[in-house]
Amino acid sequence: MEPNEDASAEFEHRDLLSGLVRMHVLHHAAQEEIYGAWMIEELASHGYRLSPGTLYPMLHRMVDSGYLSVRSERDGRTVRKYYSATDKGRDGLAVARERVQIFIREEPEND
């Protein structure tokens, strides 16, 4: 696929891929605290181009759903929010990893 084709395919399937993005967020948040700007760069290194207007609402929903906890840290006038996976988030990540493995091991049907 050419780069532009890849970007348009990613846009077309964004609803499907958003679950993978949330899994990736949980993966990192289960290892150490993360913050939004770092997560945007991390996702970009894997070809996902998320804007702050997409990522931050996703993080807030994950906090509201109990998958992430958040704490704020002030550095002068700047306040940075750090996100960590909760027990529910780690459990959800384990279930999601297991299900992904089941799906990728499944043999495709011949049509």
PDB file of N, CA and C in Angstrom:
ATOM      1  N   MET A   1       0.833  -1.184   0.000  1.00  0.00           N
ATOM      2  CA  MET A   1       0.000   0.000   0.000  1.00  0.00           C
ATOM      3  C   MET A   1       0.876   1.246   0.000  1.00  0.00           C
ATOM      4  N   GLU A   2       0.506   2.206  -0.775  1.00  0.00           N
ATOM      5  CA  GLU A   2       1.188   3.492  -0.774  1.00  0.00           C
ATOM      6  C   GLU A   2       0.837   4.233   0.513  1.00  0.00           C
ATOM      7  N   PRO A   3       1.705   5.164   0.987  1.00  0.00           N
ATOM      8  CA  PRO A   3       1.415   5.887   2.234  1.00  0.00           C
ATOM      9  C   PRO A   3       0.047   6.548   2.260  1.00  0.00           C
ATOM     10  N   ASN A   4      -0.376   7.194   1.165  1.00  0.00           N
ATOM     11  CA  ASN A   4      -1.688   7.850   1.154  1.00  0.00           C
ATOM     12  C   ASN A   4      -2.815   6.835   1.237  1.00  0.00           C
ATOM     13  N   GLU A   5      -2.645   5.679   0.590  1.00  0.00           N
ATOM     14  CA  GLU A   5      -3.644   4.620   0.673  1.00  0.00           C
ATOM     15  C   GLU A   5      -3.744   4.103   2.103  1.00  0.00           C
ATOM     16  N   ASP A   6      -2.596   3.944   2.751  1.00  0.00           N
ATOM     17  CA  ASP A   6      -2.564   3.466   4.125  1.00  0.00           C
ATOM     18  C   ASP A   6      -3.299   4.447   5.039  1.00  0.00           C
ATOM     19  N   ALA A   7      -3.074   5.745   4.859  1.00  0.00           N
ATOM     20  CA  ALA A   7      -3.728   6.761   5.692  1.00  0.00           C
ATOM     21  C   ALA A   7      -5.230   6.762   5.448  1.00  0.00           C
ATOM     22  N   SER A   8      -5.656   6.613   4.195  1.00  0.00           N
ATOM     23  CA  SER A   8      -7.096   6.618   3.936  1.00  0.00           C
ATOM     24  C   SER A   8      -7.746   5.348   4.464  1.00  0.00           C
ATOM     25  N   ALA A   9      -7.057   4.211   4.390  1.00  0.00           N
ATOM     26  CA  ALA A   9      -7.590   2.970   4.951  1.00  0.00           C
ATOM     27  C   ALA A   9      -7.704   3.093   6.459  1.00  0.00           C
ATOM     28  N   GLU A  10      -6.706   3.711   7.086  1.00  0.00           N
ATOM     29  CA  GLU A  10      -6.745   3.917   8.534  1.00  0.00           C
ATOM     30  C   GLU A  10      -7.928   4.793   8.911  1.00  0.00           C
ATOM     31  N   PHE A  11      -8.172   5.849   8.150  1.00  0.00           N
ATOM     32  CA  PHE A  11      -9.298   6.743   8.423  1.00  0.00           C
ATOM     33  C   PHE A  11     -10.619   6.000   8.249  1.00  0.00           C
ATOM     34  N   GLU A  12     -10.699   5.211   7.180  1.00  0.00           N
ATOM     35  CA  GLU A  12     -11.932   4.478   6.896  1.00  0.00           C
ATOM     36  C   GLU A  12     -12.268   3.481   7.999  1.00  0.00           C
ATOM     37  N   HIS A  13     -11.262   2.908   8.646  1.00  0.00           N
ATOM     38  CA  HIS A  13     -11.463   1.871   9.648  1.00  0.00           C
ATOM     39  C   HIS A  13     -11.188   2.365  11.068  1.00  0.00           C
ATOM     40  N   ARG A  14     -11.251   3.661  11.275  1.00  0.00           N
ATOM     41  CA  ARG A  14     -10.886   4.233  12.582  1.00  0.00           C
ATOM     42  C   ARG A  14     -11.734   3.687  13.719  1.00  0.00           C
ATOM     43  N   ASP A  15     -13.015   3.402  13.470  1.00  0.00           N
ATOM     44  CA  ASP A  15     -13.855   2.864  14.537  1.00  0.00           C
ATOM     45  C   ASP A  15     -13.360   1.487  14.968  1.00  0.00           C
ATOM     46  N   LEU A  16     -12.929   0.669  14.022  1.00  0.00           N
ATOM     47  CA  LEU A  16     -12.400  -0.651  14.332  1.00  0.00           C
ATOM     48  C   LEU A  16     -11.043  -0.546  15.025  1.00  0.00           C
ATOM     49  N   LEU A  17     -10.184   0.323  14.528  1.00  0.00           N
ATOM     50  CA  LEU A  17      -8.834   0.465  15.065  1.00  0.00           C
ATOM     51  C   LEU A  17      -8.810   1.135  16.430  1.00  0.00           C
ATOM     52  N   SER A  18      -9.856   1.864  16.786  1.00  0.00           N
ATOM     53  CA  SER A  18      -9.833   2.572  18.072  1.00  0.00           C
ATOM     54  C   SER A  18      -9.731   1.599  19.243  1.00  0.00           C
ATOM     55  N   GLY A  19     -10.263   0.405  19.106  1.00  0.00           N
ATOM     56  CA  GLY A  19     -10.106  -0.596  20.162  1.00  0.00           C
ATOM     57  C   GLY A  19      -8.659  -1.005  20.337  1.00  0.00           C
ATOM     58  N   LEU A  20      -7.935  -1.110  19.224  1.00  0.00           N
ATOM     59  CA  LEU A  20      -6.511  -1.444  19.311  1.00  0.00           C
ATOM     60  C   LEU A  20      -5.729  -0.307  19.953  1.00  0.00           C
ATOM     61  N   VAL A  21      -6.116   0.914  19.660  1.00  0.00           N
ATOM     62  CA  VAL A  21      -5.452   2.071  20.268  1.00  0.00           C
ATOM     63  C   VAL A  21      -5.676   2.052  21.781  1.00  0.00           C
ATOM     64  N   ARG A  22      -6.901   1.796  22.211  1.00  0.00           N
ATOM     65  CA  ARG A  22      -7.176   1.733  23.654  1.00  0.00           C
ATOM     66  C   ARG A  22      -6.372   0.614  24.312  1.00  0.00           C
ATOM     67  N   MET A  23      -6.253  -0.533  23.627  1.00  0.00           N
ATOM     68  CA  MET A  23      -5.415  -1.614  24.161  1.00  0.00           C
ATOM     69  C   MET A  23      -3.975  -1.159  24.312  1.00  0.00           C
ATOM     70  N   HIS A  24      -3.478  -0.427  23.318  1.00  0.00           N
ATOM     71  CA  HIS A  24      -2.091   0.031  23.367  1.00  0.00           C
ATOM     72  C   HIS A  24      -1.890   1.031  24.512  1.00  0.00           C
ATOM     73  N   VAL A  25      -2.862   1.907  24.698  1.00  0.00           N
ATOM     74  CA  VAL A  25      -2.809   2.845  25.823  1.00  0.00           C
ATOM     75  C   VAL A  25      -2.742   2.060  27.136  1.00  0.00           C
ATOM     76  N   LEU A  26      -3.623   1.081  27.302  1.00  0.00           N
ATOM     77  CA  LEU A  26      -3.622   0.275  28.530  1.00  0.00           C
ATOM     78  C   LEU A  26      -2.310  -0.477  28.711  1.00  0.00           C
ATOM     79  N   HIS A  27      -1.781  -0.996  27.611  1.00  0.00           N
ATOM     80  CA  HIS A  27      -0.496  -1.715  27.667  1.00  0.00           C
ATOM     81  C   HIS A  27       0.582  -0.841  28.311  1.00  0.00           C
ATOM     82  N   HIS A  28       0.703   0.393  27.828  1.00  0.00           N
ATOM     83  CA  HIS A  28       1.743   1.278  28.374  1.00  0.00           C
ATOM     84  C   HIS A  28       1.388   1.778  29.771  1.00  0.00           C
ATOM     85  N   ALA A  29       0.117   2.087  29.992  1.00  0.00           N
ATOM     86  CA  ALA A  29      -0.295   2.596  31.303  1.00  0.00           C
ATOM     87  C   ALA A  29      -0.184   1.522  32.381  1.00  0.00           C
ATOM     88  N   ALA A  30      -0.177   0.257  31.990  1.00  0.00           N
ATOM     89  CA  ALA A  30       0.009  -0.834  32.952  1.00  0.00           C
ATOM     90  C   ALA A  30       1.482  -0.995  33.319  1.00  0.00           C
ATOM     91  N   GLN A  31       2.377  -0.497  32.469  1.00  0.00           N
ATOM     92  CA  GLN A  31       3.811  -0.609  32.718  1.00  0.00           C
ATOM     93  C   GLN A  31       4.345   0.563  33.535  1.00  0.00           C
ATOM     94  N   GLU A  32       3.861   1.767  33.222  1.00  0.00           N
ATOM     95  CA  GLU A  32       4.296   2.980  33.914  1.00  0.00           C
ATOM     96  C   GLU A  32       3.313   4.090  33.616  1.00  0.00           C
ATOM     97  N   GLU A  33       3.413   5.179  34.360  1.00  0.00           N
ATOM     98  CA  GLU A  33       2.531   6.316  34.098  1.00  0.00           C
ATOM     99  C   GLU A  33       2.816   6.868  32.704  1.00  0.00           C
ATOM    100  N   ILE A  34       1.758   7.291  32.046  1.00  0.00           N
ATOM    101  CA  ILE A  34       1.889   7.903  30.727  1.00  0.00           C
ATOM    102  C   ILE A  34       1.240   9.281  30.766  1.00  0.00           C
ATOM    103  N   TYR A  35       1.549  10.109  29.789  1.00  0.00           N
ATOM    104  CA  TYR A  35       0.836  11.378  29.626  1.00  0.00           C
ATOM    105  C   TYR A  35       0.518  11.532  28.149  1.00  0.00           C
ATOM    106  N   GLY A  36      -0.452  12.357  27.855  1.00  0.00           N
ATOM    107  CA  GLY A  36      -1.028  12.449  26.532  1.00  0.00           C
ATOM    108  C   GLY A  36      -0.046  12.719  25.413  1.00  0.00           C
ATOM    109  N   ALA A  37       0.807  13.732  25.560  1.00  0.00           N
ATOM    110  CA  ALA A  37       1.734  14.079  24.474  1.00  0.00           C
ATOM    111  C   ALA A  37       2.674  12.916  24.172  1.00  0.00           C
ATOM    112  N   TRP A  38       3.134  12.229  25.218  1.00  0.00           N
ATOM    113  CA  TRP A  38       4.001  11.065  25.001  1.00  0.00           C
ATOM    114  C   TRP A  38       3.239   9.965  24.261  1.00  0.00           C
ATOM    115  N   MET A  39       1.979   9.745  24.656  1.00  0.00           N
ATOM    116  CA  MET A  39       1.183   8.684  24.037  1.00  0.00           C
ATOM    117  C   MET A  39       0.924   8.994  22.574  1.00  0.00           C
ATOM    118  N   ILE A  40       0.707  10.255  22.225  1.00  0.00           N
ATOM    119  CA  ILE A  40       0.518  10.641  20.826  1.00  0.00           C
ATOM    120  C   ILE A  40       1.770  10.285  20.022  1.00  0.00           C
ATOM    121  N   GLU A  41       2.949  10.570  20.571  1.00  0.00           N
ATOM    122  CA  GLU A  41       4.204  10.235  19.886  1.00  0.00           C
ATOM    123  C   GLU A  41       4.384   8.729  19.777  1.00  0.00           C
ATOM    124  N   GLU A  42       4.069   8.008  20.843  1.00  0.00           N
ATOM    125  CA  GLU A  42       4.200   6.546  20.843  1.00  0.00           C
ATOM    126  C   GLU A  42       3.292   5.929  19.782  1.00  0.00           C
ATOM    127  N   LEU A  43       2.055   6.372  19.733  1.00  0.00           N
ATOM    128  CA  LEU A  43       1.119   5.845  18.739  1.00  0.00           C
ATOM    129  C   LEU A  43       1.570   6.200  17.321  1.00  0.00           C
ATOM    130  N   ALA A  44       2.115   7.400  17.147  1.00  0.00           N
ATOM    131  CA  ALA A  44       2.612   7.815  15.828  1.00  0.00           C
ATOM    132  C   ALA A  44       3.753   6.909  15.372  1.00  0.00           C
ATOM    133  N   SER A  45       4.566   6.423  16.304  1.00  0.00           N
ATOM    134  CA  SER A  45       5.673   5.531  15.937  1.00  0.00           C
ATOM    135  C   SER A  45       5.160   4.203  15.383  1.00  0.00           C
ATOM    136  N   HIS A  46       3.878   3.912  15.617  1.00  0.00           N
ATOM    137  CA  HIS A  46       3.256   2.698  15.088  1.00  0.00           C
ATOM    138  C   HIS A  46       2.305   3.004  13.927  1.00  0.00           C
ATOM    139  N   GLY A  47       2.327   4.246  13.460  1.00  0.00           N
ATOM    140  CA  GLY A  47       1.518   4.623  12.310  1.00  0.00           C
ATOM    141  C   GLY A  47       0.147   5.172  12.634  1.00  0.00           C
ATOM    142  N   TYR A  48      -0.170   5.348  13.915  1.00  0.00           N
ATOM    143  CA  TYR A  48      -1.461   5.920  14.303  1.00  0.00           C
ATOM    144  C   TYR A  48      -1.269   7.407  14.545  1.00  0.00           C
ATOM    145  N   ARG A  49      -1.973   8.234  13.791  1.00  0.00           N
ATOM    146  CA  ARG A  49      -1.846   9.678  13.932  1.00  0.00           C
ATOM    147  C   ARG A  49      -3.088  10.210  14.630  1.00  0.00           C
ATOM    148  N   LEU A  50      -2.995  10.367  15.936  1.00  0.00           N
ATOM    149  CA  LEU A  50      -4.120  10.881  16.718  1.00  0.00           C
ATOM    150  C   LEU A  50      -3.845  12.314  17.126  1.00  0.00           C
ATOM    151  N   SER A  51      -4.858  13.137  17.037  1.00  0.00           N
ATOM    152  CA  SER A  51      -4.739  14.516  17.495  1.00  0.00           C
ATOM    153  C   SER A  51      -5.064  14.550  18.982  1.00  0.00           C
ATOM    154  N   PRO A  52      -4.652  15.621  19.669  1.00  0.00           N
ATOM    155  CA  PRO A  52      -5.053  15.763  21.071  1.00  0.00           C
ATOM    156  C   PRO A  52      -6.575  15.743  21.228  1.00  0.00           C
ATOM    157  N   GLY A  53      -7.288  16.273  20.240  1.00  0.00           N
ATOM    158  CA  GLY A  53      -8.747  16.302  20.294  1.00  0.00           C
ATOM    159  C   GLY A  53      -9.379  14.922  20.201  1.00  0.00           C
ATOM    160  N   THR A  54      -8.616  13.942  19.768  1.00  0.00           N
ATOM    161  CA  THR A  54      -9.081  12.553  19.730  1.00  0.00           C
ATOM    162  C   THR A  54      -8.588  11.795  20.955  1.00  0.00           C
ATOM    163  N   LEU A  55      -7.288  11.957  21.280  1.00  0.00           N
ATOM    164  CA  LEU A  55      -6.710  11.171  22.373  1.00  0.00           C
ATOM    165  C   LEU A  55      -7.253  11.567  23.738  1.00  0.00           C
ATOM    166  N   TYR A  56      -7.298  12.857  24.043  1.00  0.00           N
ATOM    167  CA  TYR A  56      -7.685  13.258  25.403  1.00  0.00           C
ATOM    168  C   TYR A  56      -9.117  12.863  25.762  1.00  0.00           C
ATOM    169  N   PRO A  57     -10.086  13.013  24.862  1.00  0.00           N
ATOM    170  CA  PRO A  57     -11.416  12.497  25.204  1.00  0.00           C
ATOM    171  C   PRO A  57     -11.411  10.976  25.424  1.00  0.00           C
ATOM    172  N   MET A  58     -10.583  10.255  24.654  1.00  0.00           N
ATOM    173  CA  MET A  58     -10.464   8.810  24.837  1.00  0.00           C
ATOM    174  C   MET A  58      -9.912   8.502  26.229  1.00  0.00           C
ATOM    175  N   LEU A  59      -8.858   9.221  26.628  1.00  0.00           N
ATOM    176  CA  LEU A  59      -8.290   9.015  27.969  1.00  0.00           C
ATOM    177  C   LEU A  59      -9.324   9.329  29.042  1.00  0.00           C
ATOM    178  N   HIS A  60     -10.077  10.411  28.869  1.00  0.00           N
ATOM    179  CA  HIS A  60     -11.100  10.780  29.858  1.00  0.00           C
ATOM    180  C   HIS A  60     -12.177   9.712  29.956  1.00  0.00           C
ATOM    181  N   ARG A  61     -12.588   9.145  28.816  1.00  0.00           N
ATOM    182  CA  ARG A  61     -13.585   8.064  28.849  1.00  0.00           C
ATOM    183  C   ARG A  61     -13.025   6.836  29.550  1.00  0.00           C
ATOM    184  N   MET A  62     -11.748   6.561  29.339  1.00  0.00           N
ATOM    185  CA  MET A  62     -11.129   5.410  29.996  1.00  0.00           C
ATOM    186  C   MET A  62     -11.027   5.624  31.500  1.00  0.00           C
ATOM    187  N   VAL A  63     -10.818   6.864  31.926  1.00  0.00           N
ATOM    188  CA  VAL A  63     -10.839   7.190  33.359  1.00  0.00           C
ATOM    189  C   VAL A  63     -12.256   7.023  33.884  1.00  0.00           C
ATOM    190  N   ASP A  64     -13.233   7.591  33.180  1.00  0.00           N
ATOM    191  CA  ASP A  64     -14.638   7.494  33.609  1.00  0.00           C
ATOM    192  C   ASP A  64     -15.110   6.046  33.685  1.00  0.00           C
ATOM    193  N   SER A  65     -14.575   5.188  32.806  1.00  0.00           N
ATOM    194  CA  SER A  65     -14.952   3.775  32.789  1.00  0.00           C
ATOM    195  C   SER A  65     -14.196   2.952  33.827  1.00  0.00           C
ATOM    196  N   GLY A  66     -13.213   3.561  34.479  1.00  0.00           N
ATOM    197  CA  GLY A  66     -12.469   2.864  35.526  1.00  0.00           C
ATOM    198  C   GLY A  66     -11.250   2.098  35.048  1.00  0.00           C
ATOM    199  N   TYR A  67     -10.869   2.243  33.772  1.00  0.00           N
ATOM    200  CA  TYR A  67      -9.695   1.546  33.250  1.00  0.00           C
ATOM    201  C   TYR A  67      -8.390   2.263  33.570  1.00  0.00           C
ATOM    202  N   LEU A  68      -8.463   3.576  33.722  1.00  0.00           N
ATOM    203  CA  LEU A  68      -7.287   4.385  34.040  1.00  0.00           C
ATOM    204  C   LEU A  68      -7.572   5.243  35.259  1.00  0.00           C
ATOM    205  N   SER A  69      -6.512   5.535  36.002  1.00  0.00           N
ATOM    206  CA  SER A  69      -6.588   6.572  37.034  1.00  0.00           C
ATOM    207  C   SER A  69      -5.742   7.732  36.532  1.00  0.00           C
ATOM    208  N   VAL A  70      -5.993   8.904  37.083  1.00  0.00           N
ATOM    209  CA  VAL A  70      -5.270  10.089  36.632  1.00  0.00           C
ATOM    210  C   VAL A  70      -4.825  10.890  37.847  1.00  0.00           C
ATOM    211  N   ARG A  71      -3.638  11.465  37.724  1.00  0.00           N
ATOM    212  CA  ARG A  71      -3.164  12.404  38.740  1.00  0.00           C
ATOM    213  C   ARG A  71      -2.549  13.585  38.013  1.00  0.00           C
ATOM    214  N   SER A  72      -2.644  14.744  38.628  1.00  0.00           N
ATOM    215  CA  SER A  72      -2.102  15.967  38.032  1.00  0.00           C
ATOM    216  C   SER A  72      -0.840  16.367  38.762  1.00  0.00           C
ATOM    217  N   GLU A  73       0.107  16.902  38.002  1.00  0.00           N
ATOM    218  CA  GLU A  73       1.357  17.398  38.572  1.00  0.00           C
ATOM    219  C   GLU A  73       1.634  18.764  37.981  1.00  0.00           C
ATOM    220  N   ARG A  74       1.881  19.737  38.852  1.00  0.00           N
ATOM    221  CA  ARG A  74       2.147  21.107  38.413  1.00  0.00           C
ATOM    222  C   ARG A  74       3.653  21.336  38.365  1.00  0.00           C
ATOM    223  N   ASP A  75       4.089  21.940  37.251  1.00  0.00           N
ATOM    224  CA  ASP A  75       5.477  22.354  37.079  1.00  0.00           C
ATOM    225  C   ASP A  75       5.433  23.811  36.649  1.00  0.00           C
ATOM    226  N   GLY A  76       5.488  24.702  37.629  1.00  0.00           N
ATOM    227  CA  GLY A  76       5.317  26.118  37.329  1.00  0.00           C
ATOM    228  C   GLY A  76       3.876  26.366  36.934  1.00  0.00           C
ATOM    229  N   ARG A  77       3.687  26.919  35.755  1.00  0.00           N
ATOM    230  CA  ARG A  77       2.318  27.186  35.294  1.00  0.00           C
ATOM    231  C   ARG A  77       1.726  26.012  34.518  1.00  0.00           C
ATOM    232  N   THR A  78       2.549  25.025  34.231  1.00  0.00           N
ATOM    233  CA  THR A  78       2.097  23.875  33.445  1.00  0.00           C
ATOM    234  C   THR A  78       1.587  22.769  34.363  1.00  0.00           C
ATOM    235  N   VAL A  79       0.429  22.221  34.015  1.00  0.00           N
ATOM    236  CA  VAL A  79      -0.122  21.072  34.729  1.00  0.00           C
ATOM    237  C   VAL A  79      -0.152  19.915  33.753  1.00  0.00           C
ATOM    238  N   ARG A  80       0.474  18.826  34.145  1.00  0.00           N
ATOM    239  CA  ARG A  80       0.476  17.637  33.298  1.00  0.00           C
ATOM    240  C   ARG A  80      -0.306  16.550  34.016  1.00  0.00           C
ATOM    241  N   LYS A  81      -1.140  15.838  33.255  1.00  0.00           N
ATOM    242  CA  LYS A  81      -1.900  14.730  33.811  1.00  0.00           C
ATOM    243  C   LYS A  81      -1.206  13.425  33.446  1.00  0.00           C
ATOM    244  N   TYR A  82      -1.029  12.585  34.462  1.00  0.00           N
ATOM    245  CA  TYR A  82      -0.413  11.272  34.286  1.00  0.00           C
ATOM    246  C   TYR A  82      -1.475  10.207  34.487  1.00  0.00           C
ATOM    247  N   TYR A  83      -1.473   9.223  33.593  1.00  0.00           N
ATOM    248  CA  TYR A  83      -2.471   8.167  33.604  1.00  0.00           C
ATOM    249  C   TYR A  83      -1.808   6.834  33.917  1.00  0.00           C
ATOM    250  N   SER A  84      -2.489   6.031  34.741  1.00  0.00           N
ATOM    251  CA  SER A  84      -2.024   4.687  35.087  1.00  0.00           C
ATOM    252  C   SER A  84      -3.195   3.732  34.949  1.00  0.00           C
ATOM    253  N   ALA A  85      -2.875   2.489  34.588  1.00  0.00           N
ATOM    254  CA  ALA A  85      -3.918   1.472  34.515  1.00  0.00           C
ATOM    255  C   ALA A  85      -4.370   1.117  35.926  1.00  0.00           C
ATOM    256  N   THR A  86      -5.655   0.958  36.096  1.00  0.00           N
ATOM    257  CA  THR A  86      -6.220   0.485  37.365  1.00  0.00           C
ATOM    258  C   THR A  86      -6.241  -1.040  37.331  1.00  0.00           C
ATOM    259  N   ASP A  87      -6.665  -1.652  38.430  1.00  0.00           N
ATOM    260  CA  ASP A  87      -6.829  -3.107  38.441  1.00  0.00           C
ATOM    261  C   ASP A  87      -7.812  -3.527  37.350  1.00  0.00           C
ATOM    262  N   LYS A  88      -8.902  -2.782  37.209  1.00  0.00           N
ATOM    263  CA  LYS A  88      -9.878  -3.071  36.149  1.00  0.00           C
ATOM    264  C   LYS A  88      -9.231  -2.952  34.777  1.00  0.00           C
ATOM    265  N   GLY A  89      -8.378  -1.953  34.592  1.00  0.00           N
ATOM    266  CA  GLY A  89      -7.686  -1.769  33.317  1.00  0.00           C
ATOM    267  C   GLY A  89      -6.732  -2.912  33.017  1.00  0.00           C
ATOM    268  N   ARG A  90      -5.981  -3.366  34.025  1.00  0.00           N
ATOM    269  CA  ARG A  90      -5.065  -4.491  33.828  1.00  0.00           C
ATOM    270  C   ARG A  90      -5.843  -5.774  33.534  1.00  0.00           C
ATOM    271  N   ASP A  91      -6.964  -5.961  34.238  1.00  0.00           N
ATOM    272  CA  ASP A  91      -7.808  -7.135  33.971  1.00  0.00           C
ATOM    273  C   ASP A  91      -8.375  -7.074  32.558  1.00  0.00           C
ATOM    274  N   GLY A  92      -8.869  -5.910  32.166  1.00  0.00           N
ATOM    275  CA  GLY A  92      -9.421  -5.742  30.820  1.00  0.00           C
ATOM    276  C   GLY A  92      -8.372  -5.976  29.751  1.00  0.00           C
ATOM    277  N   LEU A  93      -7.162  -5.505  29.992  1.00  0.00           N
ATOM    278  CA  LEU A  93      -6.074  -5.710  29.043  1.00  0.00           C
ATOM    279  C   LEU A  93      -5.763  -7.194  28.906  1.00  0.00           C
ATOM    280  N   ALA A  94      -5.744  -7.918  30.007  1.00  0.00           N
ATOM    281  CA  ALA A  94      -5.480  -9.363  29.960  1.00  0.00           C
ATOM    282  C   ALA A  94      -6.552 -10.086  29.149  1.00  0.00           C
ATOM    283  N   VAL A  95      -7.795  -9.728  29.370  1.00  0.00           N
ATOM    284  CA  VAL A  95      -8.896 -10.342  28.614  1.00  0.00           C
ATOM    285  C   VAL A  95      -8.761 -10.003  27.135  1.00  0.00           C
ATOM    286  N   ALA A  96      -8.487  -8.743  26.821  1.00  0.00           N
ATOM    287  CA  ALA A  96      -8.364  -8.316  25.425  1.00  0.00           C
ATOM    288  C   ALA A  96      -7.208  -9.038  24.733  1.00  0.00           C
ATOM    289  N   ARG A  97      -6.070  -9.178  25.421  1.00  0.00           N
ATOM    290  CA  ARG A  97      -4.928  -9.891  24.836  1.00  0.00           C
ATOM    291  C   ARG A  97      -5.299 -11.340  24.533  1.00  0.00           C
ATOM    292  N   GLU A  98      -5.983 -11.970  25.463  1.00  0.00           N
ATOM    293  CA  GLU A  98      -6.402 -13.361  25.274  1.00  0.00           C
ATOM    294  C   GLU A  98      -7.329 -13.488  24.066  1.00  0.00           C
ATOM    295  N   ARG A  99      -8.285 -12.580  23.952  1.00  0.00           N
ATOM    296  CA  ARG A  99      -9.238 -12.631  22.840  1.00  0.00           C
ATOM    297  C   ARG A  99      -8.557 -12.363  21.501  1.00  0.00           C
ATOM    298  N   VAL A 100      -7.621 -11.429  21.475  1.00  0.00           N
ATOM    299  CA  VAL A 100      -6.900 -11.156  20.235  1.00  0.00           C
ATOM    300  C   VAL A 100      -6.147 -12.405  19.797  1.00  0.00           C
ATOM    301  N   GLN A 101      -5.520 -13.086  20.745  1.00  0.00           N
ATOM    302  CA  GLN A 101      -4.795 -14.315  20.409  1.00  0.00           C
ATOM    303  C   GLN A 101      -5.732 -15.373  19.829  1.00  0.00           C
ATOM    304  N   ILE A 102      -6.910 -15.505  20.397  1.00  0.00           N
ATOM    305  CA  ILE A 102      -7.897 -16.457  19.876  1.00  0.00           C
ATOM    306  C   ILE A 102      -8.278 -16.090  18.447  1.00  0.00           C
ATOM    307  N   PHE A 103      -8.527 -14.810  18.209  1.00  0.00           N
ATOM    308  CA  PHE A 103      -8.943 -14.373  16.882  1.00  0.00           C
ATOM    309  C   PHE A 103      -7.848 -14.580  15.838  1.00  0.00           C
ATOM    310  N   ILE A 104      -6.602 -14.290  16.186  1.00  0.00           N
ATOM    311  CA  ILE A 104      -5.553 -14.396  15.174  1.00  0.00           C
ATOM    312  C   ILE A 104      -5.160 -15.849  14.909  1.00  0.00           C
ATOM    313  N   ARG A 105      -5.465 -16.745  15.845  1.00  0.00           N
ATOM    314  CA  ARG A 105      -5.176 -18.165  15.617  1.00  0.00           C
ATOM    315  C   ARG A 105      -6.273 -18.846  14.794  1.00  0.00           C
ATOM    316  N   GLU A 106      -7.433 -18.234  14.724  1.00  0.00           N
ATOM    317  CA  GLU A 106      -8.556 -18.834  13.998  1.00  0.00           C
ATOM    318  C   GLU A 106      -8.254 -18.907  12.511  1.00  0.00           C
ATOM    319  N   GLU A 107      -8.531 -20.044  11.927  1.00  0.00           N
ATOM    320  CA  GLU A 107      -8.308 -20.238  10.499  1.00  0.00           C
ATOM    321  C   GLU A 107      -9.366 -19.485   9.692  1.00  0.00           C
ATOM    322  N   PRO A 108      -8.965 -18.776   8.642  1.00  0.00           N
ATOM    323  CA  PRO A 108      -9.956 -18.113   7.789  1.00  0.00           C
ATOM    324  C   PRO A 108     -10.781 -19.155   7.037  1.00  0.00           C
ATOM    325  N   GLU A 109     -12.057 -18.849   6.858  1.00  0.00           N
ATOM    326  CA  GLU A 109     -12.929 -19.737   6.087  1.00  0.00           C
ATOM    327  C   GLU A 109     -12.693 -19.510   4.613  1.00  0.00           C
ATOM    328  N   ASN A 110     -12.793 -20.564   3.854  1.00  0.00           N
ATOM    329  CA  ASN A 110     -12.709 -20.435   2.393  1.00  0.00           C
ATOM    330  C   ASN A 110     -14.086 -20.140   1.852  1.00  0.00           C
ATOM    331  N   ASP A 111     -14.215 -19.022   1.163  1.00  0.00           N
ATOM    332  CA  ASP A 111     -15.516 -18.650   0.585  1.00  0.00           C
ATOM    333  C   ASP A 111     -15.728 -19.305  -0.750  1.00  0.00           C
TER     334      ASP A 111
END
